[in-house]
Amino acid sequence: MTELLPIRRALISVSDKTGLIDLAKALSERGVELLSTGGSAKAMRDAGLEVKDVSEITGFPEMMDGRVKTLHPKVHGGLLALRDNDAHVAAMEEHGIGGIDLLVVNLYPFEATVAAGADYDTCIENIDIGGPAMIRAAAKNAAFVNVIVDVEDYDALLGDMDQHKGATCPKFRRKLSQKAYARTAAYDAAVSTWMAEQLELETPKRRAFAGELKQTLRYGENSHQKAAFYTDGSGRPGVATATQLQGKELSYNNINDTDAAFELVSEFDPAVSPAVAIIKHANPCGVAVGTTLVEAYQKAFDCDRTSAFGGIVALNQPLDADTAKKIVEIFTEVVIAPGASEEAKEIFAAKKNLRLLLTDGLPDPRQPITAYKQVAGGVLVQDKDVGYVGKDDLKVVTKLAPTDAQMEDLLFAWKVAKHVKSNAIVYVKGGATVGVGAGQMSRLDSANVAASKAQRMADELGMDESPAKGSAVASDAFFPFADGLLEAAAAGGTCVIQPGGSMRDEEVIKAADEAGLAMVFTGMRHFRH
């Protein structure tokens, strides 16, 4: 690839004019001729800069409401011509095509327009055509052309020019080329995804995925794995959009667990009651509601004090001072909440390694989202589990019906079970988990694990009996046999919520009746792998 190449002529056409004037002035001071279009040209002229309109170069005015202005051989020839190819140079001379050494373009704000909820026609008009075409042309010709698609690269461009006396080096141009193609790919992905949604295509023949780098991580799940964190542009409240006030940089596992915690706690309406979820390795070790946030935290913490050490805490209301004081009593990795009081922030400030993340709100647990999971040779795509079950959706299948208090705990347990790795069994009493069995190979094992954790809770708190006595029990999927149900009954469960749908439902219902249990079916399961 050709080595150092001076920049003599630049075409600038940007929708986001952040930093435009400073860049244009800096280029002009370095002797670079400026070409531009529309609003960009006007902004530079208003700043006192000499700018030549692209229409002067092409001999055609902007037309069709600006849809056609740069799609012309004198633009694309200037971007694509190989300057060391005699035939290309001869064609440029014959047709009066001047070389363009630098292209600065950021695209029509299609993603922002969609995010703002604009109508179909407005979104269509914000699909850029000329911009991506020029970007791809310039990026292909990185041997001779610099292409800037990100405001953050303005200073880097000027720095490379200053380092090389007005020229740029080939490595820098190649890096710009890669970023340019990534930008047009992400743009096309946003457009095609939006169009599929508009057409209600559940399984389009091709899917495009895109993300923007938010953070390079020290490593992945383990120290030998490389990792990075990309955002999808959706703006969903959570770890991707939160502001980190203090603490060390988030790790891969921190991000994963914090997301799990915040998505779980958002199942509980903050207008109804404060709620707290404590997560360890993507599974809840304690979830509770209370009359106050600190009460909810204490109840969640008491469920599994051992696992809570070094865990992630998520709140559905702004962090207050009383709750902050309780949280800092043990080592906690991350706290995420929709806001925090100044006093709470001061309390946390004394714990330098404790990460505090604040969001602008809670994610909507019923908002339709597409979820992806990589497998060897492909990607699994599905709707995010936003399934919801209310009291009126439940079917009582046993002779004994749940009391109102039991029904509240059953629905609470069902919300938690949705966020527990399968197979999942959750014991709940008084608006708090008292035992969680997660990720076991059989439902019987999960029931056993949850019961043993409930007994440990009793031992740690000096209780006379296991808090599983009199608890509500949730199972994320049906009981294929009665053994798991009977294990929960033996632990002290008095009512059960499960999807139903097993070939042995009648056998399980009979076992529940004989054990004196009340049981309801949801008709919906919550597998989580």
Protein backbone atom coordinates (compact mmCIF):
# COMPACT_ATOMS: atom_id res chain seq x y z
CA MET A 1 0.00 0.00 0.00
CA THR A 2 1.14 3.53 -0.82
CA GLU A 3 2.84 5.17 2.12
CA LEU A 4 2.35 8.73 3.34
CA LEU A 5 -0.20 10.72 1.33
CA PRO A 6 -0.95 14.41 1.81
CA ILE A 7 -4.54 15.59 2.19
CA ARG A 8 -5.24 18.37 -0.29
CA ARG A 9 -8.99 18.08 -0.83
CA ALA A 10 -11.76 17.08 1.57
CA LEU A 11 -15.48 16.46 1.11
CA ILE A 12 -17.44 17.10 4.29
CA SER A 13 -21.16 16.26 4.55
CA VAL A 14 -22.45 15.64 8.07
CA SER A 15 -25.86 15.51 9.76
CA ASP A 16 -24.28 15.67 13.22
CA LYS A 17 -22.37 18.94 13.16
CA THR A 18 -20.61 18.44 16.49
CA GLY A 19 -17.02 19.59 16.08
CA LEU A 20 -17.58 20.45 12.40
CA ILE A 21 -16.34 24.03 12.51
CA ASP A 22 -13.24 23.23 14.55
CA LEU A 23 -12.34 20.43 12.12
CA ALA A 24 -13.01 22.54 9.04
CA LYS A 25 -10.92 25.42 10.38
CA ALA A 26 -8.07 23.07 11.24
CA LEU A 27 -8.14 21.55 7.75
CA SER A 28 -8.32 24.96 6.10
CA GLU A 29 -5.32 26.15 8.12
CA ARG A 30 -3.42 23.11 6.81
CA GLY A 31 -4.16 24.12 3.22
CA VAL A 32 -6.96 21.64 2.55
CA GLU A 33 -9.63 22.61 -0.01
CA LEU A 34 -13.13 22.11 1.40
CA LEU A 35 -16.05 20.67 -0.58
CA SER A 36 -19.45 20.30 1.00
CA THR A 37 -23.22 20.05 0.64
CA GLY A 38 -26.34 21.69 2.05
CA GLY A 39 -26.36 22.45 5.74
CA SER A 40 -22.72 21.54 6.25
CA ALA A 41 -21.60 24.03 3.61
CA LYS A 42 -23.80 26.75 5.10
CA ALA A 43 -22.47 26.14 8.62
CA MET A 44 -18.87 26.43 7.42
CA ARG A 45 -19.55 29.54 5.38
CA ASP A 46 -21.30 31.14 8.34
CA ALA A 47 -18.07 30.50 10.26
CA GLY A 48 -16.16 32.45 7.62
CA LEU A 49 -14.64 29.48 5.82
CA GLU A 50 -14.23 29.16 2.06
CA VAL A 51 -16.24 26.18 0.84
CA LYS A 52 -17.03 24.89 -2.64
CA ASP A 53 -20.44 23.28 -3.19
CA VAL A 54 -20.45 19.75 -4.60
CA SER A 55 -22.95 21.00 -7.17
CA GLU A 56 -20.17 23.20 -8.59
CA ILE A 57 -18.06 20.08 -9.09
CA THR A 58 -20.77 17.85 -10.54
CA GLY A 59 -22.55 20.49 -12.61
CA PHE A 60 -25.85 19.29 -11.15
CA PRO A 61 -27.83 21.01 -8.40
CA GLU A 62 -29.12 19.16 -5.38
CA MET A 63 -32.50 17.80 -6.36
CA MET A 64 -35.44 15.71 -5.22
CA ASP A 65 -35.39 17.20 -1.70
CA GLY A 66 -31.71 16.43 -1.36
CA ARG A 67 -32.07 12.77 -2.31
CA VAL A 68 -29.67 13.29 -5.20
CA LYS A 69 -26.56 15.39 -4.68
CA THR A 70 -23.43 13.23 -4.33
CA LEU A 71 -24.34 10.26 -6.54
CA HIS A 72 -22.17 11.40 -9.43
CA PRO A 73 -18.98 10.19 -11.20
CA LYS A 74 -17.11 13.36 -10.26
CA VAL A 75 -17.66 12.47 -6.60
CA HIS A 76 -17.26 8.72 -6.73
CA GLY A 77 -14.48 8.90 -9.31
CA GLY A 78 -12.61 11.22 -6.98
CA LEU A 79 -13.02 8.71 -4.16
CA LEU A 80 -12.40 5.48 -6.06
CA ALA A 81 -9.58 6.36 -8.46
CA LEU A 82 -6.29 4.55 -7.90
CA ARG A 83 -3.75 7.34 -8.03
CA ASP A 84 -0.92 4.99 -9.07
CA ASN A 85 -2.91 3.47 -11.94
CA ASP A 86 -2.16 5.23 -15.22
CA ALA A 87 -5.53 4.35 -16.75
CA HIS A 88 -7.36 5.76 -13.72
CA VAL A 89 -5.31 8.93 -13.79
CA ALA A 90 -5.96 9.34 -17.51
CA ALA A 91 -9.71 8.90 -16.97
CA MET A 92 -9.65 11.54 -14.23
CA GLU A 93 -7.89 14.00 -16.54
CA GLU A 94 -10.17 13.26 -19.49
CA HIS A 95 -13.37 13.76 -17.49
CA GLY A 96 -12.22 16.54 -15.19
CA ILE A 97 -12.38 14.46 -12.03
CA GLY A 98 -10.40 15.78 -9.09
CA GLY A 99 -9.17 13.46 -6.39
CA ILE A 100 -10.81 13.55 -2.95
CA ASP A 101 -8.29 12.69 -0.26
CA LEU A 102 -10.57 12.93 2.76
CA LEU A 103 -14.26 12.13 3.20
CA VAL A 104 -16.01 13.19 6.39
CA VAL A 105 -19.56 11.85 6.61
CA ASN A 106 -21.95 10.90 9.37
CA LEU A 107 -25.25 9.49 8.24
CA TYR A 108 -28.83 10.67 8.45
CA PRO A 109 -30.01 9.91 12.01
CA PHE A 110 -32.10 6.88 11.11
CA GLU A 111 -31.62 5.07 14.45
CA ALA A 112 -32.51 8.18 16.45
CA THR A 113 -35.57 8.79 14.26
CA VAL A 114 -36.86 5.27 14.90
CA ALA A 115 -36.10 5.54 18.62
CA ALA A 116 -38.11 8.77 18.76
CA GLY A 117 -41.16 6.88 17.50
CA ALA A 118 -41.43 8.64 14.14
CA ASP A 119 -43.96 7.46 11.57
CA TYR A 120 -43.10 5.17 8.67
CA ASP A 121 -42.61 7.85 6.02
CA THR A 122 -40.37 9.95 8.28
CA CYS A 123 -38.20 6.92 9.03
CA ILE A 124 -37.92 6.15 5.32
CA GLU A 125 -36.80 9.71 4.57
CA ASN A 126 -34.06 9.32 7.19
CA ILE A 127 -32.47 6.41 5.37
CA ASP A 128 -29.22 7.78 3.95
CA ILE A 129 -28.25 6.64 0.44
CA GLY A 130 -25.49 8.93 -0.78
CA GLY A 131 -23.65 8.83 2.55
CA PRO A 132 -23.17 5.03 2.73
CA ALA A 133 -22.29 4.93 -0.98
CA MET A 134 -19.50 7.50 -0.52
CA ILE A 135 -18.30 5.88 2.69
CA ARG A 136 -17.99 2.47 1.09
CA ALA A 137 -16.21 3.93 -1.93
CA ALA A 138 -13.70 5.82 0.19
CA ALA A 139 -13.17 2.85 2.52
CA LYS A 140 -12.47 0.57 -0.43
CA ASN A 141 -9.81 3.00 -1.61
CA ALA A 142 -8.01 3.33 1.73
CA ALA A 143 -4.73 3.15 -0.17
CA PHE A 144 -5.36 6.77 -1.12
CA VAL A 145 -8.38 8.09 0.78
CA ASN A 146 -9.14 8.81 4.42
CA VAL A 147 -12.74 8.32 5.55
CA ILE A 148 -14.08 9.66 8.85
CA VAL A 149 -17.49 8.48 10.11
CA ASP A 150 -17.07 9.24 13.81
CA VAL A 151 -16.70 12.65 15.45
CA GLU A 152 -14.34 11.03 17.93
CA ASP A 153 -11.80 10.53 15.12
CA TYR A 154 -11.45 14.22 14.21
CA ASP A 155 -8.58 14.79 16.62
CA ALA A 156 -6.91 11.54 15.60
CA LEU A 157 -6.99 12.65 11.96
CA LEU A 158 -5.40 16.01 12.73
CA GLY A 159 -2.85 14.29 14.96
CA ASP A 160 -1.79 11.91 12.20
CA MET A 161 -1.58 14.79 9.72
CA ASP A 162 0.60 16.81 12.07
CA GLN A 163 2.82 13.83 12.73
CA HIS A 164 3.36 13.33 8.99
CA LYS A 165 3.49 16.96 7.80
CA GLY A 166 -0.03 17.11 6.36
CA ALA A 167 -0.14 13.49 5.23
CA THR A 168 -1.56 10.33 6.78
CA CYS A 169 0.00 6.91 7.13
CA PRO A 170 -1.42 3.72 5.59
CA LYS A 171 -2.10 2.03 8.94
CA PHE A 172 -4.25 4.97 10.04
CA ARG A 173 -6.21 4.91 6.76
CA ARG A 174 -6.82 1.17 7.07
CA LYS A 175 -8.16 1.63 10.60
CA LEU A 176 -10.52 4.32 9.34
CA SER A 177 -11.63 1.99 6.55
CA GLN A 178 -12.53 -0.80 8.96
CA LYS A 179 -14.53 1.58 11.12
CA ALA A 180 -16.30 2.95 8.07
CA TYR A 181 -17.48 -0.46 6.88
CA ALA A 182 -18.57 -1.34 10.41
CA ARG A 183 -20.63 1.85 10.52
CA THR A 184 -22.42 1.20 7.24
CA ALA A 185 -23.00 -2.42 8.29
CA ALA A 186 -24.56 -1.28 11.56
CA TYR A 187 -26.65 1.28 9.71
CA ASP A 188 -27.92 -1.32 7.25
CA ALA A 189 -28.63 -3.66 10.15
CA ALA A 190 -30.75 -1.00 11.84
CA VAL A 191 -32.69 -0.35 8.64
CA SER A 192 -33.28 -4.01 7.78
CA THR A 193 -34.29 -4.87 11.35
CA TRP A 194 -36.75 -1.98 11.44
CA MET A 195 -38.22 -2.98 8.09
CA ALA A 196 -38.67 -6.57 9.27
CA GLU A 197 -40.51 -5.28 12.32
CA GLN A 198 -42.73 -3.06 10.17
CA LEU A 199 -43.60 -6.05 8.00
CA GLU A 200 -44.05 -8.25 11.09
CA LEU A 201 -41.56 -10.76 9.72
CA GLU A 202 -40.80 -13.15 12.56
CA THR A 203 -38.09 -15.03 10.67
CA PRO A 204 -36.61 -12.92 7.86
CA LYS A 205 -34.31 -14.85 5.53
CA ARG A 206 -31.31 -12.84 6.69
CA ARG A 207 -30.68 -11.05 9.97
CA ALA A 208 -28.08 -8.41 10.63
CA PHE A 209 -26.61 -7.77 14.07
CA ALA A 210 -24.79 -4.64 15.12
CA GLY A 211 -23.39 -3.04 18.25
CA GLU A 212 -21.23 -0.13 19.33
CA LEU A 213 -18.24 -0.61 21.59
CA LYS A 214 -18.93 0.72 25.07
CA GLN A 215 -16.07 -0.85 26.96
CA THR A 216 -13.03 -3.04 26.36
CA LEU A 217 -12.96 -5.52 29.22
CA ARG A 218 -9.88 -6.84 30.95
CA TYR A 219 -11.04 -10.39 30.23
CA GLY A 220 -14.18 -12.46 29.82
CA GLU A 221 -15.72 -15.03 32.14
CA ASN A 222 -12.19 -16.24 32.83
CA SER A 223 -8.83 -14.51 32.70
CA HIS A 224 -7.72 -16.32 29.53
CA GLN A 225 -10.72 -15.05 27.53
CA LYS A 226 -10.74 -11.72 25.69
CA ALA A 227 -13.95 -9.69 25.95
CA ALA A 228 -15.67 -6.40 25.21
CA PHE A 229 -19.07 -4.81 25.91
CA TYR A 230 -21.18 -3.49 23.04
CA THR A 231 -24.44 -1.56 23.23
CA ASP A 232 -27.32 -2.17 20.83
CA GLY A 233 -28.67 1.37 20.68
CA SER A 234 -32.05 0.45 22.15
CA GLY A 235 -31.61 2.70 25.19
CA ARG A 236 -33.25 0.14 27.48
CA PRO A 237 -32.65 1.17 31.12
CA GLY A 238 -30.04 -1.06 32.66
CA VAL A 239 -26.34 -1.74 32.83
CA ALA A 240 -25.75 -0.55 29.23
CA THR A 241 -27.23 2.89 29.84
CA ALA A 242 -26.41 3.36 33.53
CA THR A 243 -24.03 5.98 34.87
CA GLN A 244 -21.28 4.54 37.07
CA LEU A 245 -20.63 6.91 39.95
CA GLN A 246 -17.79 5.07 41.62
CA GLY A 247 -15.86 1.86 41.92
CA LYS A 248 -13.61 -0.22 39.71
CA GLU A 249 -14.33 -0.88 36.06
CA LEU A 250 -17.08 -3.45 35.55
CA SER A 251 -15.97 -6.92 34.54
CA TYR A 252 -17.66 -9.27 32.08
CA ASN A 253 -19.29 -11.20 34.93
CA ASN A 254 -20.29 -7.97 36.71
CA ILE A 255 -22.13 -6.80 33.61
CA ASN A 256 -23.87 -10.12 33.09
CA ASP A 257 -24.95 -10.41 36.73
CA THR A 258 -25.99 -6.77 37.02
CA ASP A 259 -28.22 -7.15 34.00
CA ALA A 260 -29.81 -10.26 35.52
CA ALA A 261 -30.40 -8.46 38.82
CA PHE A 262 -31.94 -5.32 37.33
CA GLU A 263 -34.19 -7.22 34.94
CA LEU A 264 -35.47 -9.29 37.88
CA VAL A 265 -36.12 -6.43 40.27
CA SER A 266 -37.98 -4.58 37.51
CA GLU A 267 -40.68 -7.25 37.68
CA PHE A 268 -41.86 -5.49 40.85
CA ASP A 269 -43.73 -2.22 40.42
CA PRO A 270 -42.01 0.48 42.52
CA ALA A 271 -45.38 2.22 42.93
CA VAL A 272 -46.68 -0.85 44.78
CA SER A 273 -43.74 -1.66 47.04
CA PRO A 274 -39.95 -1.37 47.30
CA ALA A 275 -38.14 -4.46 46.04
CA VAL A 276 -34.58 -5.76 46.19
CA ALA A 277 -32.89 -8.58 44.27
CA ILE A 278 -29.47 -9.97 45.17
CA ILE A 279 -27.78 -11.96 42.42
CA LYS A 280 -24.82 -14.32 42.39
CA HIS A 281 -23.63 -15.94 39.17
CA ALA A 282 -26.77 -14.79 37.31
CA ASN A 283 -29.11 -16.49 39.80
CA PRO A 284 -31.06 -14.80 42.59
CA CYS A 285 -29.90 -15.70 46.08
CA GLY A 286 -32.48 -13.41 47.66
CA VAL A 287 -35.46 -11.38 46.47
CA ALA A 288 -37.96 -9.50 48.61
CA VAL A 289 -40.47 -6.69 48.86
CA GLY A 290 -41.04 -4.63 51.98
CA THR A 291 -42.71 -1.57 53.39
CA THR A 292 -39.35 0.20 53.03
CA LEU A 293 -36.34 -0.39 50.82
CA VAL A 294 -34.14 -1.26 53.76
CA GLU A 295 -36.70 -3.83 54.95
CA ALA A 296 -36.79 -5.36 51.48
CA TYR A 297 -32.98 -5.51 51.42
CA GLN A 298 -32.80 -7.16 54.84
CA LYS A 299 -35.35 -9.80 53.85
CA ALA A 300 -33.55 -10.51 50.58
CA PHE A 301 -30.19 -10.69 52.36
CA ASP A 302 -31.52 -13.05 55.03
CA CYS A 303 -32.58 -15.62 52.41
CA ASP A 304 -28.98 -16.63 51.70
CA ARG A 305 -26.43 -14.57 53.62
CA THR A 306 -23.55 -16.76 52.50
CA SER A 307 -24.23 -16.32 48.78
CA ALA A 308 -25.03 -12.62 49.15
CA PHE A 309 -21.37 -11.94 50.01
CA GLY A 310 -19.77 -10.48 46.88
CA GLY A 311 -23.12 -10.32 45.11
CA ILE A 312 -24.96 -7.81 42.95
CA VAL A 313 -27.77 -5.78 44.51
CA ALA A 314 -30.58 -4.30 42.39
CA LEU A 315 -33.25 -1.93 43.70
CA ASN A 316 -36.53 -0.87 42.10
CA GLN A 317 -36.50 2.50 43.88
CA PRO A 318 -33.78 5.13 44.42
CA LEU A 319 -31.15 4.12 46.97
CA ASP A 320 -31.66 5.83 50.33
CA ALA A 321 -29.28 6.32 53.25
CA ASP A 322 -30.73 3.60 55.50
CA THR A 323 -30.44 0.99 52.76
CA ALA A 324 -26.96 2.18 51.83
CA LYS A 325 -25.81 1.73 55.44
CA LYS A 326 -27.03 -1.88 55.46
CA ILE A 327 -25.52 -2.74 52.09
CA VAL A 328 -22.01 -1.56 53.04
CA GLU A 329 -21.98 -3.86 56.08
CA ILE A 330 -20.78 -6.67 53.80
CA PHE A 331 -18.70 -6.84 50.63
CA THR A 332 -20.88 -6.14 47.60
CA GLU A 333 -19.64 -5.97 44.01
CA VAL A 334 -22.27 -3.76 42.36
CA VAL A 335 -25.40 -1.84 43.32
CA ILE A 336 -27.75 -0.68 40.58
CA ALA A 337 -30.77 1.53 41.20
CA PRO A 338 -32.96 4.14 39.47
CA GLY A 339 -31.31 6.98 41.37
CA ALA A 340 -29.77 7.60 44.80
CA SER A 341 -29.95 10.26 47.49
CA GLU A 342 -26.93 12.46 48.13
CA GLU A 343 -26.57 10.97 51.61
CA ALA A 344 -26.56 7.46 50.15
CA LYS A 345 -23.87 8.47 47.67
CA GLU A 346 -21.74 9.82 50.51
CA ILE A 347 -22.08 6.56 52.44
CA PHE A 348 -20.99 4.57 49.40
CA ALA A 349 -18.10 6.95 48.71
CA ALA A 350 -16.24 5.45 51.66
CA LYS A 351 -16.25 2.09 49.85
CA LYS A 352 -13.97 2.86 46.92
CA ASN A 353 -14.28 -0.54 45.24
CA LEU A 354 -18.07 -0.71 45.42
CA ARG A 355 -19.56 0.08 42.02
CA LEU A 356 -22.68 2.23 42.09
CA LEU A 357 -24.71 2.35 38.89
CA LEU A 358 -27.63 4.73 38.48
CA THR A 359 -30.25 4.55 35.74
CA ASP A 360 -32.96 6.89 34.52
CA GLY A 361 -35.65 4.31 35.25
CA LEU A 362 -36.58 0.65 35.17
CA PRO A 363 -36.81 -1.55 32.08
CA ASP A 364 -40.30 -2.61 31.08
CA PRO A 365 -40.50 -6.36 31.82
CA ARG A 366 -43.21 -6.76 29.17
CA GLN A 367 -41.48 -4.86 26.36
CA PRO A 368 -40.96 -7.15 23.35
CA ILE A 369 -37.24 -7.64 22.70
CA THR A 370 -35.32 -9.99 20.45
CA ALA A 371 -32.82 -12.21 22.27
CA TYR A 372 -29.79 -13.88 20.70
CA LYS A 373 -27.63 -16.81 21.72
CA GLN A 374 -24.60 -18.06 19.85
CA VAL A 375 -24.19 -21.75 19.10
CA ALA A 376 -21.55 -23.47 16.99
CA GLY A 377 -22.04 -22.32 13.43
CA GLY A 378 -25.02 -20.11 14.07
CA VAL A 379 -27.19 -17.91 16.25
CA LEU A 380 -30.43 -18.80 18.00
CA VAL A 381 -32.99 -16.00 17.89
CA GLN A 382 -36.13 -15.76 19.97
CA ASP A 383 -38.42 -13.28 21.66
CA LYS A 384 -37.25 -12.35 25.14
CA ASP A 385 -39.39 -14.05 27.79
CA VAL A 386 -41.83 -11.28 28.64
CA GLY A 387 -44.59 -13.66 29.63
CA TYR A 388 -46.83 -12.35 32.38
CA VAL A 389 -49.33 -14.16 34.58
CA GLY A 390 -51.81 -12.37 36.81
CA LYS A 391 -54.25 -13.68 39.40
CA ASP A 392 -57.05 -13.97 36.86
CA ASP A 393 -54.87 -16.14 34.61
CA LEU A 394 -54.42 -18.86 37.23
CA LYS A 395 -56.39 -22.10 37.32
CA VAL A 396 -56.96 -23.78 40.68
CA VAL A 397 -56.59 -27.52 40.08
CA THR A 398 -56.71 -28.90 43.64
CA LYS A 399 -59.58 -29.33 46.08
CA LEU A 400 -57.99 -26.68 48.27
CA ALA A 401 -57.75 -23.15 46.85
CA PRO A 402 -54.99 -20.72 47.91
CA THR A 403 -55.86 -18.00 50.38
CA ASP A 404 -55.40 -14.38 49.36
CA ALA A 405 -52.11 -14.22 51.25
CA GLN A 406 -50.91 -17.44 49.62
CA MET A 407 -51.90 -16.12 46.21
CA GLU A 408 -49.71 -13.04 46.70
CA ASP A 409 -46.73 -15.22 47.59
CA LEU A 410 -47.43 -17.56 44.67
CA LEU A 411 -47.40 -14.71 42.17
CA PHE A 412 -44.24 -13.32 43.80
CA ALA A 413 -42.57 -16.73 43.56
CA TRP A 414 -43.61 -17.02 39.92
CA LYS A 415 -41.94 -13.71 39.05
CA VAL A 416 -38.72 -14.86 40.69
CA ALA A 417 -38.79 -18.33 39.12
CA LYS A 418 -38.86 -16.68 35.69
CA HIS A 419 -35.32 -15.40 36.40
CA VAL A 420 -33.86 -18.56 37.93
CA LYS A 421 -31.84 -20.98 35.82
CA SER A 422 -33.75 -24.16 35.02
CA ASN A 423 -34.62 -26.43 36.62
CA ALA A 424 -35.95 -23.88 39.11
CA ILE A 425 -37.78 -24.27 42.42
CA VAL A 426 -38.44 -21.20 44.56
CA TYR A 427 -39.85 -21.06 48.12
CA VAL A 428 -41.45 -17.76 49.17
CA LYS A 429 -42.92 -16.60 52.44
CA GLY A 430 -44.22 -13.17 53.35
CA GLY A 431 -43.03 -11.47 50.16
CA ALA A 432 -39.48 -12.84 50.30
CA THR A 433 -37.61 -15.83 48.96
CA VAL A 434 -36.61 -18.30 51.66
CA GLY A 435 -35.06 -20.93 49.40
CA VAL A 436 -33.94 -21.02 45.77
CA GLY A 437 -32.96 -24.15 43.86
CA ALA A 438 -31.36 -23.29 40.52
CA GLY A 439 -29.81 -25.01 37.53
CA GLN A 440 -30.18 -28.59 38.66
CA MET A 441 -30.54 -31.55 36.32
CA SER A 442 -33.81 -32.66 37.90
CA ARG A 443 -36.69 -30.83 39.52
CA LEU A 444 -36.33 -33.11 42.54
CA ASP A 445 -32.74 -31.91 42.99
CA SER A 446 -33.84 -28.28 42.74
CA ALA A 447 -36.50 -28.85 45.40
CA ASN A 448 -33.85 -30.43 47.64
CA VAL A 449 -31.39 -27.56 47.11
CA ALA A 450 -34.06 -24.94 47.84
CA ALA A 451 -35.11 -26.79 51.01
CA SER A 452 -31.51 -27.08 52.22
CA LYS A 453 -30.98 -23.35 51.68
CA ALA A 454 -34.13 -22.62 53.65
CA GLN A 455 -32.79 -24.75 56.50
CA ARG A 456 -29.46 -22.90 56.35
CA MET A 457 -31.39 -19.64 56.62
CA ALA A 458 -33.09 -20.95 59.76
CA ASP A 459 -29.74 -21.96 61.25
CA GLU A 460 -28.12 -18.59 60.48
CA LEU A 461 -31.02 -16.58 61.89
CA GLY A 462 -31.61 -18.85 64.89
CA MET A 463 -35.13 -19.72 63.80
CA ASP A 464 -37.04 -22.56 65.47
CA GLU A 465 -37.97 -24.12 62.14
CA SER A 466 -37.24 -23.81 58.46
CA PRO A 467 -38.89 -20.77 56.87
CA ALA A 468 -40.01 -23.15 54.14
CA LYS A 469 -42.73 -24.24 56.56
CA GLY A 470 -45.89 -22.57 55.31
CA SER A 471 -44.22 -21.29 52.14
CA ALA A 472 -45.47 -20.88 48.60
CA VAL A 473 -43.57 -22.91 46.02
CA ALA A 474 -42.98 -22.05 42.35
CA SER A 475 -41.72 -24.40 39.66
CA ASP A 476 -40.63 -22.88 36.34
CA ALA A 477 -41.95 -25.91 34.43
CA PHE A 478 -44.36 -28.73 35.13
CA PHE A 479 -43.61 -31.55 37.54
CA PRO A 480 -43.07 -34.62 35.34
CA PHE A 481 -43.58 -36.81 38.41
CA ALA A 482 -45.00 -36.20 41.85
CA ASP A 483 -41.63 -36.66 43.59
CA GLY A 484 -40.50 -33.02 43.25
CA LEU A 485 -43.87 -31.78 44.44
CA LEU A 486 -43.81 -34.10 47.44
CA GLU A 487 -40.27 -32.99 48.28
CA ALA A 488 -41.51 -29.40 48.39
CA ALA A 489 -44.43 -30.47 50.59
CA ALA A 490 -42.04 -32.30 52.92
CA ALA A 491 -39.99 -29.11 53.22
CA GLY A 492 -43.11 -27.31 54.42
CA GLY A 493 -44.63 -25.86 51.25
CA THR A 494 -48.39 -25.37 51.52
CA CYS A 495 -49.24 -24.09 48.04
CA VAL A 496 -47.73 -24.49 44.59
CA ILE A 497 -47.69 -22.58 41.32
CA GLN A 498 -46.57 -24.39 38.18
CA PRO A 499 -47.36 -24.38 34.44
CA GLY A 500 -49.12 -27.75 34.23
CA GLY A 501 -49.18 -29.66 30.96
CA SER A 502 -47.49 -32.90 32.02
CA MET A 503 -48.78 -36.29 30.90
CA ARG A 504 -48.97 -37.03 34.62
CA ASP A 505 -50.82 -33.89 35.68
CA GLU A 506 -53.64 -35.94 37.19
CA GLU A 507 -51.17 -37.98 39.22
CA VAL A 508 -49.46 -34.79 40.45
CA ILE A 509 -52.79 -33.14 41.29
CA LYS A 510 -53.85 -36.22 43.22
CA ALA A 511 -50.58 -36.18 45.16
CA ALA A 512 -51.12 -32.49 45.96
CA ASP A 513 -54.64 -33.20 47.26
CA GLU A 514 -53.40 -36.06 49.42
CA ALA A 515 -50.66 -33.80 50.83
CA GLY A 516 -53.18 -31.06 51.59
CA LEU A 517 -51.62 -28.60 49.13
CA ALA A 518 -53.34 -25.87 47.18
CA MET A 519 -52.05 -25.75 43.59
CA VAL A 520 -52.61 -23.46 40.62
CA PHE A 521 -51.61 -23.84 36.97
CA THR A 522 -50.31 -20.91 34.91
CA GLY A 523 -50.43 -22.51 31.47
CA MET A 524 -47.04 -20.89 30.82
CA ARG A 525 -43.54 -22.08 31.60
CA HIS A 526 -40.36 -20.08 32.18
CA PHE A 527 -37.39 -22.23 31.12
CA ARG A 528 -34.15 -20.26 31.40
CA HIS A 529 -30.96 -21.79 30.06
